[in-house]
Protein backbone atom coordinates (compact mmCIF):
# COMPACT_ATOMS: atom_id res chain seq x y z
CA MET A 1 -38.30 40.80 -3.71
CA ILE A 2 -41.20 40.83 -1.63
CA ALA A 3 -44.21 40.28 -3.81
CA VAL A 4 -47.82 42.14 -2.56
CA THR A 5 -51.28 40.66 -3.34
CA GLY A 6 -54.01 43.20 -3.62
CA ALA A 7 -51.56 46.15 -3.81
CA THR A 8 -53.65 48.48 -5.59
CA GLY A 9 -56.44 47.43 -2.27
CA ASN A 10 -56.29 49.74 0.64
CA VAL A 11 -53.75 48.18 2.69
CA GLY A 12 -51.47 47.14 -0.44
CA ARG A 13 -51.59 50.60 -1.72
CA PRO A 14 -48.86 51.90 1.47
CA LEU A 15 -47.73 48.32 2.07
CA VAL A 16 -45.91 48.90 -1.14
CA ARG A 17 -44.30 52.58 -0.64
CA ALA A 18 -43.55 51.52 1.78
CA LEU A 19 -41.47 48.53 1.45
CA VAL A 20 -40.18 51.04 -2.21
CA ALA A 21 -39.72 53.81 0.90
CA ALA A 22 -37.15 51.20 2.70
CA GLY A 23 -34.99 50.01 0.38
CA GLU A 24 -36.17 46.85 -0.58
CA ARG A 25 -37.28 45.69 -5.01
CA VAL A 26 -41.62 45.45 -5.32
CA THR A 27 -44.29 42.79 -7.17
CA ALA A 28 -47.44 44.48 -7.04
CA VAL A 29 -49.81 42.00 -7.93
CA SER A 30 -53.58 42.93 -9.18
CA ARG A 31 -56.76 42.10 -10.71
CA GLN A 32 -56.07 44.74 -12.82
CA LEU A 33 -53.13 46.99 -13.58
CA PRO A 34 -53.18 50.90 -11.59
CA PRO A 35 -54.15 53.59 -14.38
CA GLU A 36 -51.33 55.37 -16.43
CA GLY A 37 -49.22 57.39 -14.61
CA GLU A 38 -50.31 55.91 -11.17
CA GLU A 39 -47.29 53.19 -11.30
CA LEU A 40 -44.68 53.58 -9.05
CA ALA A 41 -41.78 53.79 -9.88
CA GLY A 42 -39.30 50.64 -9.60
CA VAL A 43 -42.67 48.46 -9.01
CA ARG A 44 -43.23 45.54 -11.57
CA HIS A 45 -46.65 45.58 -11.95
CA VAL A 46 -48.88 42.53 -12.93
CA ARG A 47 -51.88 40.75 -13.12
CA ALA A 48 -53.21 37.67 -11.50
CA ASP A 49 -55.35 36.43 -10.46
CA LEU A 50 -56.11 34.56 -6.47
CA ALA A 51 -58.79 32.68 -8.22
CA GLU A 52 -56.41 31.34 -11.03
CA PRO A 53 -53.29 30.56 -8.54
CA GLU A 54 -51.65 28.33 -11.99
CA SER A 55 -51.59 32.34 -13.16
CA LEU A 56 -49.64 33.51 -9.86
CA LYS A 57 -46.63 30.88 -10.93
CA ALA A 58 -45.72 33.40 -13.51
CA VAL A 59 -45.49 36.70 -11.36
CA LEU A 60 -43.68 34.76 -8.23
CA ASP A 61 -40.28 33.95 -9.53
CA GLY A 62 -37.63 35.30 -6.96
CA VAL A 63 -39.75 36.05 -4.90
CA GLU A 64 -38.97 35.75 -1.24
CA ALA A 65 -41.65 37.09 0.98
CA LEU A 66 -45.35 36.85 0.09
CA HIS A 67 -47.70 39.30 1.48
CA LEU A 68 -51.09 37.42 0.89
CA LEU A 69 -54.29 39.39 1.25
CA ILE A 70 -58.03 37.07 1.24
CA ALA A 71 -60.48 39.58 1.16
CA GLY A 72 -63.74 39.37 3.64
CA GLY A 73 -66.66 38.06 1.74
CA GLY A 74 -68.40 35.55 -0.16
CA GLU A 75 -65.79 34.51 -3.02
CA ARG A 76 -64.43 30.54 -2.28
CA LEU A 77 -60.06 30.67 -3.30
CA ASP A 78 -58.37 27.32 -2.69
CA PRO A 79 -55.95 27.62 -0.78
CA GLN A 80 -54.12 24.38 -1.39
CA GLY A 81 -53.65 25.98 -4.96
CA ILE A 82 -52.86 29.13 -3.67
CA LEU A 83 -49.99 27.72 -1.40
CA ASP A 84 -48.77 25.50 -4.32
CA ALA A 85 -48.22 27.96 -6.81
CA VAL A 86 -46.40 30.10 -4.25
CA LYS A 87 -44.21 27.68 -3.31
CA SER A 88 -43.44 26.06 -6.68
CA GLY A 89 -42.74 30.16 -7.17
CA GLY A 90 -39.49 30.07 -4.27
CA VAL A 91 -41.08 31.97 -1.72
CA ARG A 92 -39.92 30.95 1.51
CA ARG A 93 -42.29 33.58 3.72
CA VAL A 94 -45.64 33.88 3.80
CA VAL A 95 -47.26 37.22 5.54
CA LEU A 96 -51.25 36.70 5.85
CA GLN A 97 -53.70 39.27 5.72
CA SER A 98 -56.98 37.36 7.79
CA SER A 99 -59.64 39.19 10.49
CA GLN A 100 -60.07 39.64 13.96
CA ILE A 101 -62.90 37.35 13.61
CA VAL A 102 -61.04 34.19 13.38
CA GLY A 103 -60.34 34.38 16.42
CA THR A 104 -62.99 35.88 18.41
CA ARG A 105 -66.25 34.28 16.49
CA PRO A 106 -64.87 30.38 15.75
CA GLY A 107 -66.28 28.76 13.67
CA ALA A 108 -68.16 31.16 12.37
CA ALA A 109 -69.58 30.94 8.90
CA SER A 110 -68.73 34.70 7.33
CA HIS A 111 -65.25 33.99 7.91
CA GLN A 112 -64.65 30.74 7.18
CA HIS A 113 -62.83 30.43 4.58
CA LEU A 114 -60.10 32.94 6.61
CA ALA A 115 -60.04 30.32 9.03
CA GLU A 116 -59.23 27.91 6.14
CA PHE A 117 -56.20 29.70 4.61
CA GLU A 118 -54.85 30.48 7.84
CA ASP A 119 -54.91 26.61 8.82
CA ALA A 120 -53.64 25.90 5.00
CA VAL A 121 -50.40 28.05 5.64
CA MET A 122 -49.55 27.80 9.15
CA ARG A 123 -49.19 23.78 7.87
CA SER A 124 -47.99 25.23 4.54
CA GLY A 125 -44.24 24.00 5.84
CA LEU A 126 -43.37 28.12 4.71
CA ASP A 127 -42.30 30.50 7.18
CA TRP A 128 -45.62 32.66 8.29
CA THR A 129 -47.20 35.30 10.19
CA VAL A 130 -51.09 35.81 10.71
CA LEU A 131 -51.95 39.11 10.77
CA ARG A 132 -55.97 39.64 12.02
CA PRO A 133 -57.32 42.82 11.68
CA GLY A 134 -60.53 44.57 13.41
CA GLY A 135 -62.35 46.77 10.69
CA PHE A 136 -61.15 49.37 8.39
CA HIS A 137 -61.65 53.30 8.81
CA SER A 138 -61.50 52.99 5.62
CA ASN A 139 -64.32 51.12 5.86
CA ALA A 140 -66.48 55.56 5.76
CA PHE A 141 -65.67 55.39 3.00
CA MET A 142 -69.16 54.43 2.13
CA TRP A 143 -70.70 57.12 4.10
CA ALA A 144 -68.06 59.61 1.48
CA GLU A 145 -71.42 60.38 -1.20
CA SER A 146 -73.79 61.19 1.32
CA VAL A 147 -71.47 63.69 3.46
CA ARG A 148 -70.51 65.22 0.60
CA SER A 149 -74.12 65.21 -1.07
CA HIS A 150 -76.14 65.48 2.58
CA ARG A 151 -73.40 66.29 5.15
CA THR A 152 -75.54 62.70 6.74
CA VAL A 153 -73.94 59.72 7.49
CA ALA A 154 -76.35 56.65 8.00
CA ALA A 155 -75.29 53.30 9.82
CA PRO A 156 -77.17 51.39 12.49
CA PHE A 157 -75.95 50.83 16.80
CA PRO A 158 -74.62 54.75 16.84
CA ASP A 159 -73.48 54.57 19.75
CA THR A 160 -71.19 50.92 20.10
CA GLY A 161 -67.30 51.28 19.89
CA LEU A 162 -65.39 49.65 18.64
CA PRO A 163 -61.07 49.89 17.81
CA ALA A 164 -61.62 50.18 13.88
CA ILE A 165 -58.03 50.14 12.48
CA ASP A 166 -55.80 53.29 9.50
CA PRO A 167 -54.87 50.33 6.72
CA ALA A 168 -52.02 52.64 6.31
CA ASP A 169 -51.19 51.19 10.62
CA ILE A 170 -52.07 47.49 8.55
CA ALA A 171 -49.24 47.95 6.25
CA GLU A 172 -46.97 49.16 7.85
CA VAL A 173 -46.62 45.69 10.43
CA ALA A 174 -46.99 44.21 7.78
CA ALA A 175 -43.91 45.13 5.84
CA LEU A 176 -42.56 45.14 9.19
CA ALA A 177 -43.36 41.44 9.47
CA LEU A 178 -42.19 40.69 5.97
CA ARG A 179 -38.89 41.32 5.95
CA ASP A 180 -38.08 40.59 9.55
CA PRO A 181 -37.51 36.90 9.30
CA SER A 182 -38.38 36.74 13.61
CA HIS A 183 -42.40 37.68 13.36
CA ALA A 184 -42.79 33.63 11.30
CA GLY A 185 -45.26 31.85 13.72
CA ARG A 186 -46.33 34.97 15.54
CA THR A 187 -50.03 35.66 14.07
CA TYR A 188 -50.85 39.37 15.70
CA GLU A 189 -54.28 41.05 16.04
CA LEU A 190 -54.64 44.89 15.62
CA THR A 191 -57.21 47.53 16.59
CA GLY A 192 -56.55 50.73 16.52
CA PRO A 193 -56.11 52.92 19.99
CA ALA A 194 -59.69 52.49 20.61
CA PRO A 195 -63.01 52.08 20.16
CA LEU A 196 -65.08 54.66 18.31
CA SER A 197 -69.21 54.28 17.45
CA PRO A 198 -70.04 55.68 14.12
CA LEU A 199 -72.26 58.64 15.70
CA GLU A 200 -68.32 59.44 17.02
CA GLN A 201 -66.95 58.61 13.35
CA ALA A 202 -69.95 61.37 12.10
CA ARG A 203 -68.71 63.76 14.16
CA ALA A 204 -64.72 63.65 12.73
CA ILE A 205 -66.00 63.47 9.08
CA GLY A 206 -67.60 67.18 10.40
CA GLU A 207 -64.51 68.56 11.80
CA ALA A 208 -62.25 67.63 9.14
CA VAL A 209 -64.29 68.67 6.51
CA GLY A 210 -64.73 71.12 8.36
CA SER A 211 -69.02 71.23 9.04
CA PRO A 212 -71.34 69.84 10.88
CA VAL A 213 -72.43 66.33 10.02
CA ARG A 214 -75.69 64.42 10.98
CA PHE A 215 -75.74 61.34 11.82
CA VAL A 216 -79.22 59.15 10.96
CA GLY A 217 -79.91 55.59 12.78
CA LEU A 218 -80.79 52.61 10.72
CA SER A 219 -83.02 49.47 12.15
CA ARG A 220 -81.39 46.51 11.58
CA GLU A 221 -83.34 45.53 9.35
CA GLU A 222 -82.92 49.25 7.31
CA ALA A 223 -79.42 48.21 7.51
CA ARG A 224 -79.53 44.38 6.91
CA ALA A 225 -81.48 45.76 3.17
CA GLN A 226 -78.56 48.57 2.90
CA MET A 227 -75.34 45.50 2.66
CA SER A 228 -77.23 42.95 1.46
CA ARG A 229 -76.67 44.70 -2.01
CA PHE A 230 -73.23 44.26 -1.68
CA MET A 231 -72.54 42.08 0.11
CA PRO A 232 -73.32 38.28 0.30
CA GLY A 233 -76.17 36.52 3.18
CA PRO A 234 -73.81 34.96 5.48
CA VAL A 235 -70.96 37.59 5.78
CA VAL A 236 -74.22 41.07 6.25
CA ASP A 237 -75.37 38.88 9.49
CA GLY A 238 -71.78 38.20 11.13
CA THR A 239 -71.09 42.00 10.16
CA LEU A 240 -73.88 42.97 12.11
CA ALA A 241 -73.30 40.74 15.15
CA ILE A 242 -70.53 42.52 14.99
CA LEU A 243 -71.21 46.00 14.45
CA GLY A 244 -74.78 46.01 16.98
CA GLU A 245 -73.42 43.09 19.65
CA PRO A 246 -70.17 42.59 20.34
CA SER A 247 -67.81 40.29 22.03
CA PRO A 248 -65.34 42.67 24.91
CA ALA A 249 -62.60 41.14 23.08
CA GLU A 250 -63.86 42.84 19.73
CA GLN A 251 -63.56 45.84 21.94
CA ARG A 252 -60.04 45.22 23.79
CA VAL A 253 -57.82 47.76 22.33
CA SER A 254 -54.44 45.39 20.95
CA PRO A 255 -51.50 46.47 22.30
CA ALA A 256 -49.63 45.36 18.92
CA VAL A 257 -49.50 48.28 16.66
CA GLU A 258 -47.82 49.55 19.90
CA GLN A 259 -45.25 47.41 20.39
CA LEU A 260 -44.10 46.58 16.50
CA LEU A 261 -44.36 49.72 15.66
CA GLY A 262 -43.03 51.39 18.09
CA ARG A 263 -45.99 54.23 18.15
CA PRO A 264 -49.44 54.12 18.95
CA PRO A 265 -51.98 53.42 15.59
CA ARG A 266 -53.47 56.42 13.97
CA THR A 267 -56.58 57.59 15.40
CA PHE A 268 -59.73 57.37 13.02
CA ALA A 269 -60.00 61.77 13.67
CA GLU A 270 -55.77 61.74 11.96
CA TRP A 271 -57.82 59.02 8.81
CA ALA A 272 -60.67 61.90 8.52
CA ALA A 273 -57.94 64.28 7.76
CA SER A 274 -56.15 62.47 5.81
CA ASN A 275 -58.96 61.93 3.46
CA SER A 276 -61.30 64.67 3.84
CA ALA A 277 -61.39 64.93 0.03
CA ALA A 278 -63.09 61.96 -0.89
CA PHE A 279 -65.94 63.77 1.76
CA ARG A 280 -65.73 67.18 1.22
């Protein structure tokens, strides 16, 4: 049995589907159960909250491998409490979804909690694999309403490119690591196939929906004001630093997805085409 936390999220949903397609028994763990009719056949859907480690014990009975997703926002969780609950449930292997920033910006306040989780997992005595994805293609969903209403995308740093990744590619790598113990003790940085700027993303969305999308540049201050509505201050500042002044390591394309999956990572244009309904 394999358990997936964050099972209703951008990575969790395709990960559950990939594991089911591979013939695995899956427990899908999330704070809220999926709406009626959206449950996957053969999947055990359960409610639990990483902020309440005791809630994990009842859902991990019989689970051998766990995908542990820790959000990159400001929520503070207890790494040791979570891992104690994981081990008491009999789990032997953990795949931790962390962030590229832990490696490229050690000590960054915005992602210190993920660094703490990495350290705790590596010292836990469990078999572990750490995934460090860069930015997600699905972050472009934040533009969906403005594209639908006004055919516009507003963002700072229009010409600065980063090699964002399709969450489905992260899911496929996670499924591989969960099923194959030879990946124990490895840390994989995951990116898309090429750096792409916000301006280029807007053009790709326009091609996906069949009509031009106008790009509106934001100043750093305007972007900070918008992002502060739903992100803690340190996370806003850390994100803007990466978007505006990425290091060479953050702009580098990692070979890991192609090496692990035997194919190139999906492009942003492919993601936009697959998700064009959200922008129409």
